[in-house]
Every structure is written in C-alpha cells, then in structure tokens.
Amino acid sequence: MTIDEQLFEKIEAYIRKTMPEQERSLFETEMANNVVLKEEVELRATLMSGVEREGVKSTLEDIYNEKFGKEASKQRNIFQLPAFRIAAGVALLIVMGWLAMVYLQTDHSSLANAYFELPQGLPTLLSAQGDPQFEEGMVAYKLGEHEKAAGLWRPLLEGNPNNDTLTFYLAANHMAQEEHVQAAFMLTGLATNESTSYQMDALWYLALLELKMEKTETAMYWLDLLADYQNKYSDRAKDLLKKLQ
C-alpha cells in the first residue's frame, strides 16, 4: 500500500481522536472495506500507544544499561540490538512529528544532501534470483527511469511483501523522486527487522531523510544507533552527529 502525506495525517488524526465525527465515521467505513488500511491504522496505533515524547531515549538506555551494563552496550553488533530499542525508535519518530509537514527551517537539509548518495543498483544478472521483471526494473532504476522501475517492482512487492530487496530498492526509488515520506515509511520496516542485511542501510537513509525533512531530533536518534555499534556507517554517523550538535 502506498502511504502518502495526506493519509498519514488522516491516520494520526483518527488515532488521536482529533478527526471530526462525520469524517471519522467515513474513515471507519473505509477501513471496514479495506483490510490493508485497517492493518496500517492498527500498526500506527500500536506504535504510538504508551510512548511519550520526552525522555523516551534516556529511559530505554537506562533499562538497557541496567540489564547489560554500559560496556556491553558498546560492544553489541547492530544486528543484536534489543527489539524494544528499535521499536521505540519508530514510536519516537511518530510521536515527535513524523506526520507534521511544517518544520523549523535550518540548513540541515543541505547537510543531509552533502552525505546523501542514492543506493547503487544491483548487477542485474545476480539480482532477485534472475527474476526478469525485477531485472528490468533495476535497469530502469539505474537509468533514472524511476516511474518505470516503480511500475515493475510494485506488483512484485505486493505479491511478496516480505522481500527486503524489493522493499529497499522501492524505497530508494522513492528517494530518487524526492518522495521522502513514502521512502521513510518503507525503510522503517527494514530498520526494525534485525534479520535483514539491509538494516544498517535503512537506518542510515532514515537518518538522512529525517534531516531532509528538518526533523533533527529524530535523525539524531537513528544516527546514535549507527554510531554506537560497529557497522559500515558508524564513522559517517559520528561525523554527522558532531556537525549537528
């Protein structure tokens, strides 16, 4: 399901019970006839419930340090991150204004652009086990024909929603078209999945997307995760954090 900014705002208004009664009734009717929309609303409600904006990160760190010790926390690999820490990061994004479209204008977007490089495509002969449709989409992606790539990949992802390669490159395709909200939504699923090889990539690009959308605080949260654990982005994350502090 493609989630645009307007739908994000409607879902948040419904969950927070700020939606007008007549519109709420229509939205509930729409959910009753759309299983995917209903599941999306339930997911958002679960992530938002019980999470407060202030002190979320420090509370999680206290819990983690109490259980594992501060030194142990520095030695853990990114793939061994406790599930509650990643999940709370997603909730933190929502509570801190994932859906807000009005931001304090700074130069952070330009800073993100300085670090941003669009993910390179996969060699087509080795991608997705030789799926011709995926390979055609990859060729289009590398040629900058992003609408064509999306048209080829989206049906494949609908048929196989757990394919992390398709998810990542569709998110990259959104990034190429400056569709930050859609890209971030797709990357969040990868960032919270400890079994995917794209987890670190997702965390890095989520951080950059947050900066592009001028959400510095949430971007720094993702960067902290990358900086604290050994991975290919840790040095860049540390460098970017220094510039943001």
Protein backbone atom coordinates (compact mmCIF):
# COMPACT_ATOMS: atom_id res chain seq x y z
CA MET A 1 0.00 0.00 0.00
CA THR A 2 1.40 3.41 -0.94
CA ILE A 3 1.13 5.81 2.02
CA ASP A 4 1.09 9.49 1.16
CA GLU A 5 1.28 12.51 3.46
CA GLN A 6 -2.47 13.12 3.45
CA LEU A 7 -3.22 9.56 4.50
CA PHE A 8 -0.58 9.77 7.24
CA GLU A 9 -2.32 12.84 8.61
CA LYS A 10 -5.74 11.17 8.48
CA ILE A 11 -4.45 8.10 10.33
CA GLU A 12 -2.85 10.21 13.04
CA ALA A 13 -6.00 12.31 13.45
CA TYR A 14 -8.09 9.15 13.75
CA ILE A 15 -5.80 7.59 16.34
CA ARG A 16 -5.52 10.80 18.36
CA LYS A 17 -9.31 11.28 18.12
CA THR A 18 -8.95 14.75 16.64
CA MET A 19 -10.80 13.84 13.45
CA PRO A 20 -14.27 15.41 13.08
CA GLU A 21 -17.07 12.97 13.87
CA GLN A 22 -18.51 12.85 10.35
CA GLU A 23 -15.08 12.32 8.78
CA ARG A 24 -14.29 9.71 11.43
CA SER A 25 -17.42 7.76 10.51
CA LEU A 26 -16.48 7.81 6.82
CA PHE A 27 -12.93 6.75 7.66
CA GLU A 28 -14.18 3.79 9.71
CA THR A 29 -16.38 2.74 6.80
CA GLU A 30 -13.35 2.93 4.53
CA MET A 31 -11.36 0.76 6.95
CA ALA A 32 -14.16 -1.79 7.09
CA ASN A 33 -13.85 -2.21 3.34
CA ASN A 34 -10.05 -2.03 3.17
CA VAL A 35 -8.17 -4.65 5.19
CA VAL A 36 -4.77 -3.17 4.34
CA LEU A 37 -5.80 0.28 5.59
CA LYS A 38 -7.21 -1.23 8.77
CA GLU A 39 -3.96 -3.09 9.44
CA GLU A 40 -1.97 0.09 8.81
CA VAL A 41 -4.09 2.03 11.33
CA GLU A 42 -3.70 -0.75 13.89
CA LEU A 43 0.08 -0.75 13.40
CA ARG A 44 0.31 3.01 13.83
CA ALA A 45 -1.89 2.87 16.94
CA THR A 46 0.29 0.16 18.47
CA LEU A 47 3.47 2.14 17.85
CA MET A 48 2.03 5.34 19.26
CA SER A 49 0.45 3.86 22.37
CA GLY A 50 2.24 4.37 25.65
CA VAL A 51 5.16 6.33 24.23
CA GLU A 52 5.81 9.87 25.41
CA ARG A 53 7.98 12.31 23.55
CA GLU A 54 10.20 13.45 26.40
CA GLY A 55 12.64 11.04 27.97
CA VAL A 56 11.96 8.04 25.75
CA LYS A 57 15.52 7.53 24.65
CA SER A 58 17.11 8.10 28.07
CA THR A 59 14.64 5.69 29.69
CA LEU A 60 15.48 2.97 27.17
CA GLU A 61 19.20 3.49 27.68
CA ASP A 62 18.75 3.23 31.47
CA ILE A 63 16.87 -0.05 31.09
CA TYR A 64 19.46 -1.44 28.70
CA ASN A 65 22.45 -0.37 30.83
CA GLU A 66 20.85 -1.79 33.96
CA LYS A 67 20.35 -5.16 32.28
CA PHE A 68 23.52 -5.48 30.20
CA GLY A 69 25.96 -2.89 31.52
CA LYS A 70 27.30 0.20 29.74
CA GLU A 71 30.38 -1.52 28.35
CA ALA A 72 28.35 -4.39 26.94
CA SER A 73 26.08 -1.93 25.15
CA LYS A 74 29.03 -0.51 23.23
CA GLN A 75 30.24 -3.93 22.11
CA ARG A 76 26.99 -5.25 20.72
CA ASN A 77 26.57 -5.54 16.97
CA ILE A 78 23.80 -3.58 15.22
CA PHE A 79 22.04 -6.87 14.40
CA GLN A 80 21.87 -7.69 18.13
CA LEU A 81 20.05 -4.51 19.11
CA PRO A 82 17.25 -5.26 21.59
CA ALA A 83 13.92 -5.23 19.81
CA PHE A 84 12.43 -2.75 22.29
CA ARG A 85 15.04 -0.13 21.42
CA ILE A 86 14.40 -0.22 17.69
CA ALA A 87 10.63 -0.42 18.11
CA ALA A 88 10.64 2.53 20.48
CA GLY A 89 12.66 4.47 17.93
CA VAL A 90 9.84 4.00 15.44
CA ALA A 91 7.31 5.15 18.01
CA LEU A 92 9.53 8.09 18.85
CA LEU A 93 9.51 9.17 15.21
CA ILE A 94 5.74 9.18 15.18
CA VAL A 95 5.32 10.99 18.49
CA MET A 96 7.93 13.61 17.63
CA GLY A 97 6.19 14.61 14.45
CA TRP A 98 6.62 12.07 11.68
CA LEU A 99 3.39 13.32 10.20
CA ALA A 100 3.99 17.04 10.68
CA MET A 101 4.62 18.91 7.46
CA VAL A 102 5.62 22.29 8.92
CA TYR A 103 9.20 22.48 10.20
CA LEU A 104 11.66 24.99 11.55
CA GLN A 105 13.83 25.83 8.56
CA THR A 106 17.55 25.23 9.11
CA ASP A 107 20.48 24.21 6.95
CA HIS A 108 20.18 20.56 8.00
CA SER A 109 18.59 19.60 4.71
CA SER A 110 21.67 20.85 2.89
CA LEU A 111 23.86 18.94 5.35
CA ALA A 112 21.95 15.74 4.63
CA ASN A 113 22.36 16.30 0.90
CA ALA A 114 26.13 16.53 1.38
CA TYR A 115 26.13 12.98 2.81
CA PHE A 116 23.45 11.55 0.58
CA GLU A 117 24.25 9.19 -2.28
CA LEU A 118 21.47 7.22 -3.92
CA PRO A 119 21.97 3.45 -3.40
CA GLN A 120 23.64 1.82 -6.34
CA GLY A 121 21.64 -0.78 -8.20
CA LEU A 122 22.38 -4.48 -8.11
CA PRO A 123 24.07 -6.29 -11.00
CA THR A 124 21.08 -7.47 -12.98
CA LEU A 125 22.40 -10.96 -13.65
CA LEU A 126 22.70 -11.55 -9.90
CA SER A 127 19.61 -9.77 -8.63
CA ALA A 128 16.48 -11.37 -7.21
CA GLN A 129 17.50 -14.85 -8.43
CA GLY A 130 17.30 -13.79 -12.06
CA ASP A 131 13.69 -12.53 -11.99
CA PRO A 132 13.30 -10.83 -15.40
CA GLN A 133 10.77 -8.29 -14.14
CA PHE A 134 12.99 -7.30 -11.23
CA GLU A 135 15.99 -7.06 -13.51
CA GLU A 136 14.12 -4.86 -15.97
CA GLY A 137 13.15 -2.61 -13.08
CA MET A 138 16.75 -2.49 -11.89
CA VAL A 139 17.93 -1.41 -15.33
CA ALA A 140 15.28 1.33 -15.32
CA TYR A 141 16.32 2.41 -11.81
CA LYS A 142 19.97 2.72 -12.83
CA LEU A 143 18.97 4.69 -15.93
CA GLY A 144 16.96 7.12 -13.82
CA GLU A 145 13.62 5.88 -15.19
CA HIS A 146 12.08 5.73 -11.74
CA GLU A 147 8.41 5.67 -12.66
CA LYS A 148 9.06 2.68 -14.89
CA ALA A 149 11.03 0.95 -12.12
CA ALA A 150 8.21 1.52 -9.65
CA GLY A 151 5.66 0.14 -12.10
CA LEU A 152 7.68 -3.05 -12.47
CA TRP A 153 8.60 -3.54 -8.82
CA ARG A 154 5.41 -2.60 -7.03
CA PRO A 155 3.40 -5.62 -8.27
CA LEU A 156 6.27 -7.90 -7.27
CA LEU A 157 6.29 -6.48 -3.74
CA GLU A 158 2.53 -6.81 -3.46
CA GLY A 159 2.95 -10.48 -4.29
CA ASN A 160 5.88 -10.89 -1.90
CA PRO A 161 5.63 -8.19 0.80
CA ASN A 162 8.44 -9.70 2.89
CA ASN A 163 11.06 -9.34 0.16
CA ASP A 164 13.57 -6.96 1.74
CA THR A 165 15.46 -6.39 -1.53
CA LEU A 166 12.33 -5.16 -3.28
CA THR A 167 11.38 -3.07 -0.25
CA PHE A 168 14.78 -1.40 -0.08
CA TYR A 169 15.03 -0.57 -3.75
CA LEU A 170 11.45 0.68 -3.95
CA ALA A 171 12.32 2.95 -1.02
CA ALA A 172 15.45 4.05 -2.90
CA ASN A 173 13.26 4.70 -5.91
CA HIS A 174 11.06 6.97 -3.77
CA MET A 175 14.17 8.76 -2.52
CA ALA A 176 15.28 9.37 -6.09
CA GLN A 177 11.97 11.11 -6.72
CA GLU A 178 12.20 13.18 -3.51
CA GLU A 179 9.25 11.26 -2.03
CA HIS A 180 10.66 11.36 1.49
CA VAL A 181 7.60 10.26 3.47
CA GLN A 182 6.95 7.18 1.33
CA ALA A 183 10.63 6.21 1.40
CA ALA A 184 10.88 6.62 5.16
CA PHE A 185 7.78 4.52 5.70
CA MET A 186 9.26 1.62 3.74
CA LEU A 187 12.70 1.94 5.33
CA THR A 188 11.23 1.85 8.83
CA GLY A 189 10.15 -1.74 8.31
CA LEU A 190 13.70 -2.70 7.36
CA ALA A 191 15.25 -0.71 10.21
CA THR A 192 13.18 -2.67 12.72
CA ASN A 193 13.98 -6.04 11.15
CA GLU A 194 17.11 -7.48 12.74
CA SER A 195 17.25 -10.40 10.30
CA THR A 196 17.68 -8.34 7.12
CA SER A 197 21.03 -7.41 5.63
CA TYR A 198 19.54 -4.01 4.78
CA GLN A 199 19.03 -2.93 8.39
CA MET A 200 22.09 -0.67 8.59
CA ASP A 201 21.35 0.85 5.19
CA ALA A 202 17.79 1.56 6.28
CA LEU A 203 18.92 3.25 9.49
CA TRP A 204 21.39 5.45 7.59
CA TYR A 205 18.93 6.57 4.96
CA LEU A 206 16.21 7.11 7.57
CA ALA A 207 18.52 9.49 9.40
CA LEU A 208 19.27 11.42 6.21
CA LEU A 209 15.59 11.57 5.27
CA GLU A 210 14.72 12.96 8.69
CA LEU A 211 17.32 15.69 8.19
CA LYS A 212 15.95 16.44 4.74
CA MET A 213 12.53 16.88 6.37
CA GLU A 214 14.12 19.06 9.09
CA LYS A 215 13.41 16.61 11.91
CA THR A 216 16.80 16.87 13.54
CA GLU A 217 15.98 15.23 16.85
CA THR A 218 14.68 12.02 15.32
CA ALA A 219 17.51 11.95 12.79
CA MET A 220 19.99 12.09 15.66
CA TYR A 221 18.26 9.14 17.29
CA TRP A 222 18.94 6.94 14.25
CA LEU A 223 22.47 8.30 13.97
CA ASP A 224 23.10 7.46 17.63
CA LEU A 225 22.18 3.85 16.91
CA LEU A 226 24.60 3.69 14.00
CA ALA A 227 27.38 5.45 15.90
CA ASP A 228 27.11 3.21 18.97
CA TYR A 229 27.56 -0.11 17.18
CA GLN A 230 30.20 -1.30 14.74
CA ASN A 231 28.93 -1.11 11.17
CA LYS A 232 29.89 0.41 7.83
CA TYR A 233 28.08 3.68 8.60
CA SER A 234 29.34 4.27 12.14
CA ASP A 235 32.15 6.68 11.23
CA ARG A 236 29.91 8.75 8.98
CA ALA A 237 27.20 8.77 11.64
CA LYS A 238 29.66 10.04 14.27
CA ASP A 239 30.92 12.75 11.92
CA LEU A 240 27.39 13.90 11.10
CA LEU A 241 26.39 13.89 14.76
CA LYS A 242 29.28 16.22 15.59
CA LYS A 243 28.04 18.69 12.98
CA LEU A 244 24.53 18.56 14.36
CA GLN A 245 25.48 19.10 17.99
